[in-house]
């Protein structure tokens, strides 16, 4: 199967979002991998616009929730309401019942509400009053965090950080890109004219086909060696989990598919180690004091792992 529609999605989003080619690519990698994304950056760089553009491009439903300290789990999952007309309870779906769900500033709500997303992200379902309901498919969570304003926030626990396949940073636009933003949005919002280039059913088909991308034994050994290196690092309190190994393999399959290949190369894995692993690593306190970053540690660890030969 051709994964060319993924390129069409990226081109379509680019008619609205200026630049951000790498972020777009990683977003599609996560979508193909059936994973979820943590968008971490300062306000105003286009996180919400990117999520809306993706939902519109795949013809999927979109819901956004601004996470606040008074948000309850039922505000996400939905709740049962007694209907006097029919003398029984009826379920009122929450905003999580969407193909693309944007959890805006997820670190501004209480842990109990943050945890309400866990079942949805991992199992594609919600349970309300003992009744389990499946979420629409595909189901894709994009959560945002503002890494600067930490006062009054509730940092995501390690278990929940581990649920995100990728962490993506958008960054500020270049001077030329910012000028283009002004021109593009001067007279109208291009998001209003965005048309779908693919259907949710086609996304599901590509997700199934991604699983068939070949991952050789050497590549699997390479992935395991990288993840194991994080567990043995003297700079880290805890290394990456086996879930991380699975996420890295699936992301590498998706990245290979975007490149038009039916097999994974070592370079696919190497490219994705930063986005897939760094948000899962827990540094020792002394390393934080010295200003050492997870990205720097990850680069050094990967450099020390022997790259397998062959095509993958």
C-alpha atoms as a PDB file:
ATOM      1  CA  UNK A   1       0.000   0.000   0.000  1.00  0.00           C
ATOM      2  CA  UNK A   2       1.136   3.549  -0.727  1.00  0.00           C
ATOM      3  CA  UNK A   3       1.426   6.002   2.143  1.00  0.00           C
ATOM      4  CA  UNK A   4       1.324   8.943  -0.254  1.00  0.00           C
ATOM      5  CA  UNK A   5      -1.899  10.254   1.382  1.00  0.00           C
ATOM      6  CA  UNK A   6       0.254  11.123   4.409  1.00  0.00           C
ATOM      7  CA  UNK A   7       2.215  13.557   2.257  1.00  0.00           C
ATOM      8  CA  UNK A   8      -1.067  14.978   1.025  1.00  0.00           C
ATOM      9  CA  UNK A   9      -2.139  15.559   4.627  1.00  0.00           C
ATOM     10  CA  UNK A  10       1.101  17.401   5.341  1.00  0.00           C
ATOM     11  CA  UNK A  11       0.775  19.548   2.232  1.00  0.00           C
ATOM     12  CA  UNK A  12      -2.822  20.346   3.116  1.00  0.00           C
ATOM     13  CA  UNK A  13      -1.908  21.402   6.648  1.00  0.00           C
ATOM     14  CA  UNK A  14       0.878  23.542   5.194  1.00  0.00           C
ATOM     15  CA  UNK A  15      -1.732  25.696   3.464  1.00  0.00           C
ATOM     16  CA  UNK A  16      -2.712  26.860   6.951  1.00  0.00           C
ATOM     17  CA  UNK A  17       0.332  26.317   9.171  1.00  0.00           C
ATOM     18  CA  UNK A  18       3.489  28.107   8.044  1.00  0.00           C
ATOM     19  CA  UNK A  19       6.717  26.112   8.320  1.00  0.00           C
ATOM     20  CA  UNK A  20       6.913  23.443  11.052  1.00  0.00           C
ATOM     21  CA  UNK A  21       7.862  20.738   8.524  1.00  0.00           C
ATOM     22  CA  UNK A  22       9.600  18.556  11.111  1.00  0.00           C
ATOM     23  CA  UNK A  23       6.737  18.900  13.595  1.00  0.00           C
ATOM     24  CA  UNK A  24       4.249  17.989  10.870  1.00  0.00           C
ATOM     25  CA  UNK A  25       6.231  14.913   9.960  1.00  0.00           C
ATOM     26  CA  UNK A  26       6.409  13.776  13.586  1.00  0.00           C
ATOM     27  CA  UNK A  27       2.689  14.370  14.000  1.00  0.00           C
ATOM     28  CA  UNK A  28       1.950  12.059  11.054  1.00  0.00           C
ATOM     29  CA  UNK A  29       4.424   9.503  12.426  1.00  0.00           C
ATOM     30  CA  UNK A  30       2.462   9.443  15.694  1.00  0.00           C
ATOM     31  CA  UNK A  31      -0.858   9.172  13.861  1.00  0.00           C
ATOM     32  CA  UNK A  32       0.349   6.194  11.797  1.00  0.00           C
ATOM     33  CA  UNK A  33       1.811   4.613  14.926  1.00  0.00           C
ATOM     34  CA  UNK A  34      -1.546   4.812  16.740  1.00  0.00           C
ATOM     35  CA  UNK A  35       0.145   6.878  19.425  1.00  0.00           C
ATOM     36  CA  UNK A  36      -0.356  10.282  21.019  1.00  0.00           C
ATOM     37  CA  UNK A  37       1.653  13.500  21.043  1.00  0.00           C
ATOM     38  CA  UNK A  38       2.788  15.928  23.723  1.00  0.00           C
ATOM     39  CA  UNK A  39       3.247  19.394  22.207  1.00  0.00           C
ATOM     40  CA  UNK A  40       5.468  21.389  24.498  1.00  0.00           C
ATOM     41  CA  UNK A  41       6.160  25.019  23.680  1.00  0.00           C
ATOM     42  CA  UNK A  42       5.412  28.619  24.569  1.00  0.00           C
ATOM     43  CA  UNK A  43       1.940  30.067  23.872  1.00  0.00           C
ATOM     44  CA  UNK A  44       1.062  31.465  20.464  1.00  0.00           C
ATOM     45  CA  UNK A  45       3.254  29.338  18.205  1.00  0.00           C
ATOM     46  CA  UNK A  46       0.384  27.442  16.545  1.00  0.00           C
ATOM     47  CA  UNK A  47      -0.281  24.345  18.643  1.00  0.00           C
ATOM     48  CA  UNK A  48      -4.080  24.601  18.485  1.00  0.00           C
ATOM     49  CA  UNK A  49      -4.022  25.589  14.811  1.00  0.00           C
ATOM     50  CA  UNK A  50      -1.907  22.538  14.016  1.00  0.00           C
ATOM     51  CA  UNK A  51      -4.317  20.187  15.805  1.00  0.00           C
ATOM     52  CA  UNK A  52      -7.382  21.682  14.108  1.00  0.00           C
ATOM     53  CA  UNK A  53      -5.706  21.508  10.702  1.00  0.00           C
ATOM     54  CA  UNK A  54      -4.866  17.835  11.185  1.00  0.00           C
ATOM     55  CA  UNK A  55      -8.435  16.968  12.167  1.00  0.00           C
ATOM     56  CA  UNK A  56      -9.800  18.873   9.181  1.00  0.00           C
ATOM     57  CA  UNK A  57      -7.356  17.233   6.783  1.00  0.00           C
ATOM     58  CA  UNK A  58      -8.374  13.691   7.759  1.00  0.00           C
ATOM     59  CA  UNK A  59     -12.091  14.509   7.779  1.00  0.00           C
ATOM     60  CA  UNK A  60     -12.298  13.677  11.464  1.00  0.00           C
ATOM     61  CA  UNK A  61     -14.162  15.184  14.388  1.00  0.00           C
ATOM     62  CA  UNK A  62     -12.279  17.588  16.634  1.00  0.00           C
ATOM     63  CA  UNK A  63     -12.717  18.612  20.270  1.00  0.00           C
ATOM     64  CA  UNK A  64     -10.610  20.931  22.405  1.00  0.00           C
ATOM     65  CA  UNK A  65     -10.664  21.265  26.182  1.00  0.00           C
ATOM     66  CA  UNK A  66      -8.835  23.986  28.084  1.00  0.00           C
ATOM     67  CA  UNK A  67      -7.537  22.208  31.162  1.00  0.00           C
ATOM     68  CA  UNK A  68      -8.024  24.184  34.385  1.00  0.00           C
ATOM     69  CA  UNK A  69      -7.693  23.314  38.109  1.00  0.00           C
ATOM     70  CA  UNK A  70     -11.483  22.910  38.507  1.00  0.00           C
ATOM     71  CA  UNK A  71     -11.883  20.494  35.582  1.00  0.00           C
ATOM     72  CA  UNK A  72     -13.359  17.120  36.590  1.00  0.00           C
ATOM     73  CA  UNK A  73     -12.856  13.700  34.955  1.00  0.00           C
ATOM     74  CA  UNK A  74     -16.533  13.669  33.868  1.00  0.00           C
ATOM     75  CA  UNK A  75     -15.876  16.903  31.978  1.00  0.00           C
ATOM     76  CA  UNK A  76     -13.598  14.820  29.761  1.00  0.00           C
ATOM     77  CA  UNK A  77     -15.249  11.406  29.561  1.00  0.00           C
ATOM     78  CA  UNK A  78     -18.923  12.378  29.813  1.00  0.00           C
ATOM     79  CA  UNK A  79     -21.572  11.487  32.391  1.00  0.00           C
ATOM     80  CA  UNK A  80     -25.000   9.929  32.883  1.00  0.00           C
ATOM     81  CA  UNK A  81     -28.028  12.194  33.276  1.00  0.00           C
ATOM     82  CA  UNK A  82     -31.449  11.092  34.468  1.00  0.00           C
ATOM     83  CA  UNK A  83     -34.077  11.676  31.789  1.00  0.00           C
ATOM     84  CA  UNK A  84     -37.550  11.981  33.323  1.00  0.00           C
ATOM     85  CA  UNK A  85     -39.259  11.533  29.955  1.00  0.00           C
ATOM     86  CA  UNK A  86     -38.031   7.978  29.524  1.00  0.00           C
ATOM     87  CA  UNK A  87     -37.479   7.277  33.242  1.00  0.00           C
ATOM     88  CA  UNK A  88     -33.856   6.215  32.856  1.00  0.00           C
ATOM     89  CA  UNK A  89     -30.302   7.517  32.718  1.00  0.00           C
ATOM     90  CA  UNK A  90     -28.830   8.565  29.383  1.00  0.00           C
ATOM     91  CA  UNK A  91     -25.166   9.068  28.590  1.00  0.00           C
ATOM     92  CA  UNK A  92     -23.978  12.541  27.656  1.00  0.00           C
ATOM     93  CA  UNK A  93     -20.737  12.045  25.680  1.00  0.00           C
ATOM     94  CA  UNK A  94     -17.726  14.052  26.770  1.00  0.00           C
ATOM     95  CA  UNK A  95     -15.365  15.881  24.405  1.00  0.00           C
ATOM     96  CA  UNK A  96     -12.986  12.921  24.391  1.00  0.00           C
ATOM     97  CA  UNK A  97     -15.437  11.259  21.983  1.00  0.00           C
ATOM     98  CA  UNK A  98     -13.635  12.674  18.940  1.00  0.00           C
ATOM     99  CA  UNK A  99     -11.099  11.552  16.349  1.00  0.00           C
ATOM    100  CA  UNK A 100      -8.679  14.298  17.381  1.00  0.00           C
ATOM    101  CA  UNK A 101      -8.798  15.490  20.997  1.00  0.00           C
ATOM    102  CA  UNK A 102      -6.735  18.507  22.029  1.00  0.00           C
ATOM    103  CA  UNK A 103      -5.954  18.621  25.750  1.00  0.00           C
ATOM    104  CA  UNK A 104      -4.781  22.216  26.033  1.00  0.00           C
ATOM    105  CA  UNK A 105      -2.361  22.956  28.885  1.00  0.00           C
ATOM    106  CA  UNK A 106      -2.825  19.534  30.416  1.00  0.00           C
ATOM    107  CA  UNK A 107      -0.461  20.408  33.272  1.00  0.00           C
ATOM    108  CA  UNK A 108      -2.904  23.017  34.603  1.00  0.00           C
ATOM    109  CA  UNK A 109      -5.451  20.510  35.879  1.00  0.00           C
ATOM    110  CA  UNK A 110      -5.437  18.194  38.877  1.00  0.00           C
ATOM    111  CA  UNK A 111      -3.866  14.712  38.650  1.00  0.00           C
ATOM    112  CA  UNK A 112      -7.262  12.985  38.934  1.00  0.00           C
ATOM    113  CA  UNK A 113      -8.456  14.669  35.764  1.00  0.00           C
ATOM    114  CA  UNK A 114      -5.145  14.080  34.011  1.00  0.00           C
ATOM    115  CA  UNK A 115      -5.495  10.388  34.860  1.00  0.00           C
ATOM    116  CA  UNK A 116      -8.961  10.293  33.285  1.00  0.00           C
ATOM    117  CA  UNK A 117      -7.204  10.409  29.924  1.00  0.00           C
ATOM    118  CA  UNK A 118      -5.090   7.321  30.655  1.00  0.00           C
ATOM    119  CA  UNK A 119      -7.708   4.691  29.825  1.00  0.00           C
ATOM    120  CA  UNK A 120      -8.726   6.597  26.706  1.00  0.00           C
ATOM    121  CA  UNK A 121      -5.154   6.952  25.440  1.00  0.00           C
ATOM    122  CA  UNK A 122      -4.102   3.396  26.136  1.00  0.00           C
ATOM    123  CA  UNK A 123      -7.264   1.414  25.437  1.00  0.00           C
ATOM    124  CA  UNK A 124      -9.393   3.633  23.177  1.00  0.00           C
ATOM    125  CA  UNK A 125     -12.366   3.531  25.534  1.00  0.00           C
ATOM    126  CA  UNK A 126     -13.993   5.269  28.485  1.00  0.00           C
ATOM    127  CA  UNK A 127     -15.793   3.752  31.453  1.00  0.00           C
ATOM    128  CA  UNK A 128     -18.615   5.719  33.107  1.00  0.00           C
ATOM    129  CA  UNK A 129     -20.560   4.245  36.036  1.00  0.00           C
ATOM    130  CA  UNK A 130     -19.322   0.767  35.171  1.00  0.00           C
ATOM    131  CA  UNK A 131     -20.280   0.975  31.501  1.00  0.00           C
ATOM    132  CA  UNK A 132     -17.488   0.879  28.919  1.00  0.00           C
ATOM    133  CA  UNK A 133     -17.832   2.720  25.615  1.00  0.00           C
ATOM    134  CA  UNK A 134     -15.454   2.616  22.682  1.00  0.00           C
ATOM    135  CA  UNK A 135     -14.043   5.873  21.360  1.00  0.00           C
ATOM    136  CA  UNK A 136     -14.189   6.846  17.674  1.00  0.00           C
ATOM    137  CA  UNK A 137     -11.394   5.505  15.516  1.00  0.00           C
ATOM    138  CA  UNK A 138      -8.891   6.740  14.724  1.00  0.00           C
ATOM    139  CA  UNK A 139      -8.429   8.324  18.131  1.00  0.00           C
ATOM    140  CA  UNK A 140      -5.560  10.769  18.498  1.00  0.00           C
ATOM    141  CA  UNK A 141      -4.702  12.836  21.567  1.00  0.00           C
ATOM    142  CA  UNK A 142      -2.599  15.974  21.289  1.00  0.00           C
ATOM    143  CA  UNK A 143      -1.777  17.418  24.702  1.00  0.00           C
ATOM    144  CA  UNK A 144      -0.039  20.767  25.115  1.00  0.00           C
ATOM    145  CA  UNK A 145       2.154  22.066  27.893  1.00  0.00           C
ATOM    146  CA  UNK A 146       3.618  25.493  28.541  1.00  0.00           C
ATOM    147  CA  UNK A 147       7.137  24.807  29.865  1.00  0.00           C
ATOM    148  CA  UNK A 148       7.681  28.361  31.120  1.00  0.00           C
ATOM    149  CA  UNK A 149       4.808  29.256  33.467  1.00  0.00           C
ATOM    150  CA  UNK A 150       5.082  26.567  36.124  1.00  0.00           C
ATOM    151  CA  UNK A 151       3.269  28.339  38.959  1.00  0.00           C
ATOM    152  CA  UNK A 152      -0.077  26.719  39.687  1.00  0.00           C
ATOM    153  CA  UNK A 153       0.601  23.712  37.472  1.00  0.00           C
ATOM    154  CA  UNK A 154       0.513  19.971  38.152  1.00  0.00           C
ATOM    155  CA  UNK A 155       3.433  18.272  36.352  1.00  0.00           C
ATOM    156  CA  UNK A 156       2.432  15.098  34.557  1.00  0.00           C
ATOM    157  CA  UNK A 157       3.522  12.004  36.487  1.00  0.00           C
ATOM    158  CA  UNK A 158       6.061   9.713  34.840  1.00  0.00           C
ATOM    159  CA  UNK A 159       3.419   7.041  34.190  1.00  0.00           C
ATOM    160  CA  UNK A 160       1.367   9.457  32.118  1.00  0.00           C
ATOM    161  CA  UNK A 161       4.358  10.930  30.286  1.00  0.00           C
ATOM    162  CA  UNK A 162       5.154   7.375  29.213  1.00  0.00           C
ATOM    163  CA  UNK A 163       1.782   7.164  27.437  1.00  0.00           C
ATOM    164  CA  UNK A 164       2.813   9.761  24.877  1.00  0.00           C
ATOM    165  CA  UNK A 165       4.563   8.294  21.864  1.00  0.00           C
ATOM    166  CA  UNK A 166       6.315  11.559  20.978  1.00  0.00           C
ATOM    167  CA  UNK A 167       7.125  14.940  22.420  1.00  0.00           C
ATOM    168  CA  UNK A 168       7.257  17.691  19.807  1.00  0.00           C
ATOM    169  CA  UNK A 169       8.488  21.264  20.117  1.00  0.00           C
ATOM    170  CA  UNK A 170       7.349  23.792  17.521  1.00  0.00           C
ATOM    171  CA  UNK A 171       9.689  26.690  18.228  1.00  0.00           C
ATOM    172  CA  UNK A 172       9.450  30.252  16.997  1.00  0.00           C
ATOM    173  CA  UNK A 173       9.104  30.857  13.249  1.00  0.00           C
ATOM    174  CA  UNK A 174      11.919  32.369  11.232  1.00  0.00           C
ATOM    175  CA  UNK A 175      11.636  36.022  10.236  1.00  0.00           C
ATOM    176  CA  UNK A 176      10.474  35.072   6.735  1.00  0.00           C
ATOM    177  CA  UNK A 177       7.950  32.561   8.082  1.00  0.00           C
ATOM    178  CA  UNK A 178       6.509  35.137  10.484  1.00  0.00           C
ATOM    179  CA  UNK A 179       6.092  37.623   7.643  1.00  0.00           C
ATOM    180  CA  UNK A 180       4.277  34.920   5.649  1.00  0.00           C
ATOM    181  CA  UNK A 181       1.979  34.291   8.637  1.00  0.00           C
ATOM    182  CA  UNK A 182       0.964  37.954   8.611  1.00  0.00           C
ATOM    183  CA  UNK A 183       0.238  37.834   4.882  1.00  0.00           C
ATOM    184  CA  UNK A 184      -1.669  34.546   5.049  1.00  0.00           C
ATOM    185  CA  UNK A 185      -3.936  35.638   7.903  1.00  0.00           C
ATOM    186  CA  UNK A 186      -4.310  39.290   6.955  1.00  0.00           C
ATOM    187  CA  UNK A 187      -7.667  39.050   5.159  1.00  0.00           C
ATOM    188  CA  UNK A 188      -9.090  35.706   6.275  1.00  0.00           C
ATOM    189  CA  UNK A 189      -8.424  32.579   8.287  1.00  0.00           C
ATOM    190  CA  UNK A 190      -7.260  29.850   5.850  1.00  0.00           C
ATOM    191  CA  UNK A 191      -8.460  27.211   8.318  1.00  0.00           C
ATOM    192  CA  UNK A 192     -12.037  28.065   7.316  1.00  0.00           C
ATOM    193  CA  UNK A 193     -11.330  26.935   3.744  1.00  0.00           C
ATOM    194  CA  UNK A 194      -9.454  23.762   4.665  1.00  0.00           C
ATOM    195  CA  UNK A 195     -10.884  20.632   3.010  1.00  0.00           C
ATOM    196  CA  UNK A 196     -10.303  17.006   3.935  1.00  0.00           C
ATOM    197  CA  UNK A 197      -7.899  15.100   1.677  1.00  0.00           C
ATOM    198  CA  UNK A 198      -8.494  11.705   3.285  1.00  0.00           C
ATOM    199  CA  UNK A 199     -11.139   9.926   5.345  1.00  0.00           C
ATOM    200  CA  UNK A 200     -10.823   8.456   8.851  1.00  0.00           C
ATOM    201  CA  UNK A 201     -11.334   5.011   7.324  1.00  0.00           C
ATOM    202  CA  UNK A 202      -8.290   5.515   5.095  1.00  0.00           C
ATOM    203  CA  UNK A 203      -6.256   6.540   8.135  1.00  0.00           C
ATOM    204  CA  UNK A 204      -7.240   3.277   9.850  1.00  0.00           C
ATOM    205  CA  UNK A 205      -6.185   1.327   6.775  1.00  0.00           C
ATOM    206  CA  UNK A 206      -2.761   2.992   6.742  1.00  0.00           C
ATOM    207  CA  UNK A 207      -2.365   2.308  10.453  1.00  0.00           C
ATOM    208  CA  UNK A 208      -2.961  -1.382   9.793  1.00  0.00           C
ATOM    209  CA  UNK A 209      -0.530  -1.374   6.863  1.00  0.00           C
ATOM    210  CA  UNK A 210       2.144   0.321   8.971  1.00  0.00           C
ATOM    211  CA  UNK A 211       2.308  -2.783  11.135  1.00  0.00           C
ATOM    212  CA  UNK A 212       3.589  -4.737   8.114  1.00  0.00           C
ATOM    213  CA  UNK A 213       6.689  -2.570   7.655  1.00  0.00           C
ATOM    214  CA  UNK A 214       9.602  -4.968   8.181  1.00  0.00           C
ATOM    215  CA  UNK A 215      11.725  -4.641  11.311  1.00  0.00           C
ATOM    216  CA  UNK A 216      14.732  -6.955  11.151  1.00  0.00           C
ATOM    217  CA  UNK A 217      16.253  -8.710  14.148  1.00  0.00           C
ATOM    218  CA  UNK A 218      19.256  -6.350  13.951  1.00  0.00           C
ATOM    219  CA  UNK A 219      16.988  -3.312  14.148  1.00  0.00           C
ATOM    220  CA  UNK A 220      15.122  -4.771  17.106  1.00  0.00           C
ATOM    221  CA  UNK A 221      18.443  -5.427  18.842  1.00  0.00           C
ATOM    222  CA  UNK A 222      19.449  -1.820  18.104  1.00  0.00           C
ATOM    223  CA  UNK A 223      16.233  -0.494  19.658  1.00  0.00           C
ATOM    224  CA  UNK A 224      16.662  -2.672  22.751  1.00  0.00           C
ATOM    225  CA  UNK A 225      20.303  -1.621  23.106  1.00  0.00           C
ATOM    226  CA  UNK A 226      19.371   2.082  23.025  1.00  0.00           C
ATOM    227  CA  UNK A 227      16.613   1.667  25.602  1.00  0.00           C
ATOM    228  CA  UNK A 228      18.827  -0.511  27.798  1.00  0.00           C
ATOM    229  CA  UNK A 229      21.535   2.172  27.688  1.00  0.00           C
ATOM    230  CA  UNK A 230      19.138   4.614  29.361  1.00  0.00           C
ATOM    231  CA  UNK A 231      18.674   2.167  32.232  1.00  0.00           C
ATOM    232  CA  UNK A 232      22.408   1.876  32.780  1.00  0.00           C
ATOM    233  CA  UNK A 233      23.247   5.578  32.521  1.00  0.00           C
ATOM    234  CA  UNK A 234      24.766   7.123  35.650  1.00  0.00           C
ATOM    235  CA  UNK A 235      23.095  10.424  34.747  1.00  0.00           C
ATOM    236  CA  UNK A 236      19.551   9.057  35.023  1.00  0.00           C
ATOM    237  CA  UNK A 237      17.482   7.997  38.019  1.00  0.00           C
ATOM    238  CA  UNK A 238      15.284   5.795  35.843  1.00  0.00           C
ATOM    239  CA  UNK A 239      15.585   4.686  32.257  1.00  0.00           C
ATOM    240  CA  UNK A 240      12.959   4.052  29.610  1.00  0.00           C
ATOM    241  CA  UNK A 241      10.290   1.338  29.921  1.00  0.00           C
ATOM    242  CA  UNK A 242       9.509  -1.584  27.594  1.00  0.00           C
ATOM    243  CA  UNK A 243       6.581   0.522  26.334  1.00  0.00           C
ATOM    244  CA  UNK A 244       9.202   2.931  25.055  1.00  0.00           C
ATOM    245  CA  UNK A 245      10.840   0.147  23.033  1.00  0.00           C
ATOM    246  CA  UNK A 246       7.485  -0.628  21.419  1.00  0.00           C
ATOM    247  CA  UNK A 247       6.828   3.048  20.713  1.00  0.00           C
ATOM    248  CA  UNK A 248      10.261   3.488  19.159  1.00  0.00           C
ATOM    249  CA  UNK A 249       9.741   0.474  16.888  1.00  0.00           C
ATOM    250  CA  UNK A 250       6.278   1.615  15.774  1.00  0.00           C
ATOM    251  CA  UNK A 251       7.453   5.166  15.167  1.00  0.00           C
ATOM    252  CA  UNK A 252      10.383   3.864  13.108  1.00  0.00           C
ATOM    253  CA  UNK A 253       7.961   1.795  11.021  1.00  0.00           C
ATOM    254  CA  UNK A 254       5.848   4.894  10.376  1.00  0.00           C
ATOM    255  CA  UNK A 255       8.897   6.989   9.517  1.00  0.00           C
ATOM    256  CA  UNK A 256      10.058   4.337   7.051  1.00  0.00           C
ATOM    257  CA  UNK A 257       6.575   4.268   5.512  1.00  0.00           C
ATOM    258  CA  UNK A 258       6.681   8.040   5.004  1.00  0.00           C
ATOM    259  CA  UNK A 259      10.005   7.592   3.237  1.00  0.00           C
ATOM    260  CA  UNK A 260       8.404   5.067   0.874  1.00  0.00           C
ATOM    261  CA  UNK A 261      10.206   2.025   2.254  1.00  0.00           C
ATOM    262  CA  UNK A 262       8.897  -1.333   3.405  1.00  0.00           C
ATOM    263  CA  UNK A 263      11.698  -1.791   5.947  1.00  0.00           C
ATOM    264  CA  UNK A 264      13.211   0.149   8.829  1.00  0.00           C
ATOM    265  CA  UNK A 265      16.754   1.521   8.689  1.00  0.00           C
ATOM    266  CA  UNK A 266      18.995   2.280  11.687  1.00  0.00           C
ATOM    267  CA  UNK A 267      18.814   5.970  10.743  1.00  0.00           C
ATOM    268  CA  UNK A 268      15.025   5.870  11.200  1.00  0.00           C
ATOM    269  CA  UNK A 269      15.503   4.703  14.772  1.00  0.00           C
ATOM    270  CA  UNK A 270      18.327   7.159  15.441  1.00  0.00           C
ATOM    271  CA  UNK A 271      16.301  10.120  14.167  1.00  0.00           C
ATOM    272  CA  UNK A 272      13.391   9.299  16.474  1.00  0.00           C
ATOM    273  CA  UNK A 273      15.288   8.659  19.705  1.00  0.00           C
ATOM    274  CA  UNK A 274      14.967  12.301  20.818  1.00  0.00           C
ATOM    275  CA  UNK A 275      11.214  12.748  20.248  1.00  0.00           C
ATOM    276  CA  UNK A 276      10.378   9.267  21.592  1.00  0.00           C
ATOM    277  CA  UNK A 277      12.691   8.980  24.598  1.00  0.00           C
ATOM    278  CA  UNK A 278      13.640  12.334  26.133  1.00  0.00           C
ATOM    279  CA  UNK A 279      10.304  13.064  27.842  1.00  0.00           C
ATOM    280  CA  UNK A 280      10.453   9.683  29.594  1.00  0.00           C
ATOM    281  CA  UNK A 281      13.905  10.073  31.140  1.00  0.00           C
ATOM    282  CA  UNK A 282      14.249  11.123  34.784  1.00  0.00           C
ATOM    283  CA  UNK A 283      17.509  12.900  35.449  1.00  0.00           C
ATOM    284  CA  UNK A 284      19.360  12.784  38.742  1.00  0.00           C
ATOM    285  CA  UNK A 285      19.085  15.993  40.747  1.00  0.00           C
ATOM    286  CA  UNK A 286      22.779  16.760  40.411  1.00  0.00           C
ATOM    287  CA  UNK A 287      22.527  16.604  36.614  1.00  0.00           C
ATOM    288  CA  UNK A 288      19.639  19.073  36.684  1.00  0.00           C
ATOM    289  CA  UNK A 289      21.720  21.433  38.809  1.00  0.00           C
ATOM    290  CA  UNK A 290      24.588  21.194  36.332  1.00  0.00           C
ATOM    291  CA  UNK A 291      22.186  22.122  33.528  1.00  0.00           C
ATOM    292  CA  UNK A 292      22.524  18.846  31.642  1.00  0.00           C
ATOM    293  CA  UNK A 293      19.455  18.114  29.487  1.00  0.00           C
ATOM    294  CA  UNK A 294      17.765  14.844  28.628  1.00  0.00           C
ATOM    295  CA  UNK A 295      18.410  15.580  24.946  1.00  0.00           C
ATOM    296  CA  UNK A 296      22.163  15.884  25.537  1.00  0.00           C
ATOM    297  CA  UNK A 297      22.257  12.653  27.541  1.00  0.00           C
ATOM    298  CA  UNK A 298      20.247  10.881  24.858  1.00  0.00           C
ATOM    299  CA  UNK A 299      22.592  12.000  22.096  1.00  0.00           C
ATOM    300  CA  UNK A 300      25.601  10.691  24.016  1.00  0.00           C
ATOM    301  CA  UNK A 301      23.909   7.377  24.772  1.00  0.00           C
ATOM    302  CA  UNK A 302      22.907   6.816  21.145  1.00  0.00           C
ATOM    303  CA  UNK A 303      26.417   7.678  19.984  1.00  0.00           C
ATOM    304  CA  UNK A 304      27.741   4.887  22.188  1.00  0.00           C
ATOM    305  CA  UNK A 305      25.452   2.179  20.769  1.00  0.00           C
ATOM    306  CA  UNK A 306      26.788   0.140  17.867  1.00  0.00           C
ATOM    307  CA  UNK A 307      24.744   0.683  14.687  1.00  0.00           C
ATOM    308  CA  UNK A 308      23.845  -2.570  12.906  1.00  0.00           C
ATOM    309  CA  UNK A 309      24.820  -2.948   9.266  1.00  0.00           C
ATOM    310  CA  UNK A 310      22.572  -3.774   6.328  1.00  0.00           C
ATOM    311  CA  UNK A 311      19.268  -2.315   5.226  1.00  0.00           C
ATOM    312  CA  UNK A 312      17.237  -3.348   8.250  1.00  0.00           C
END
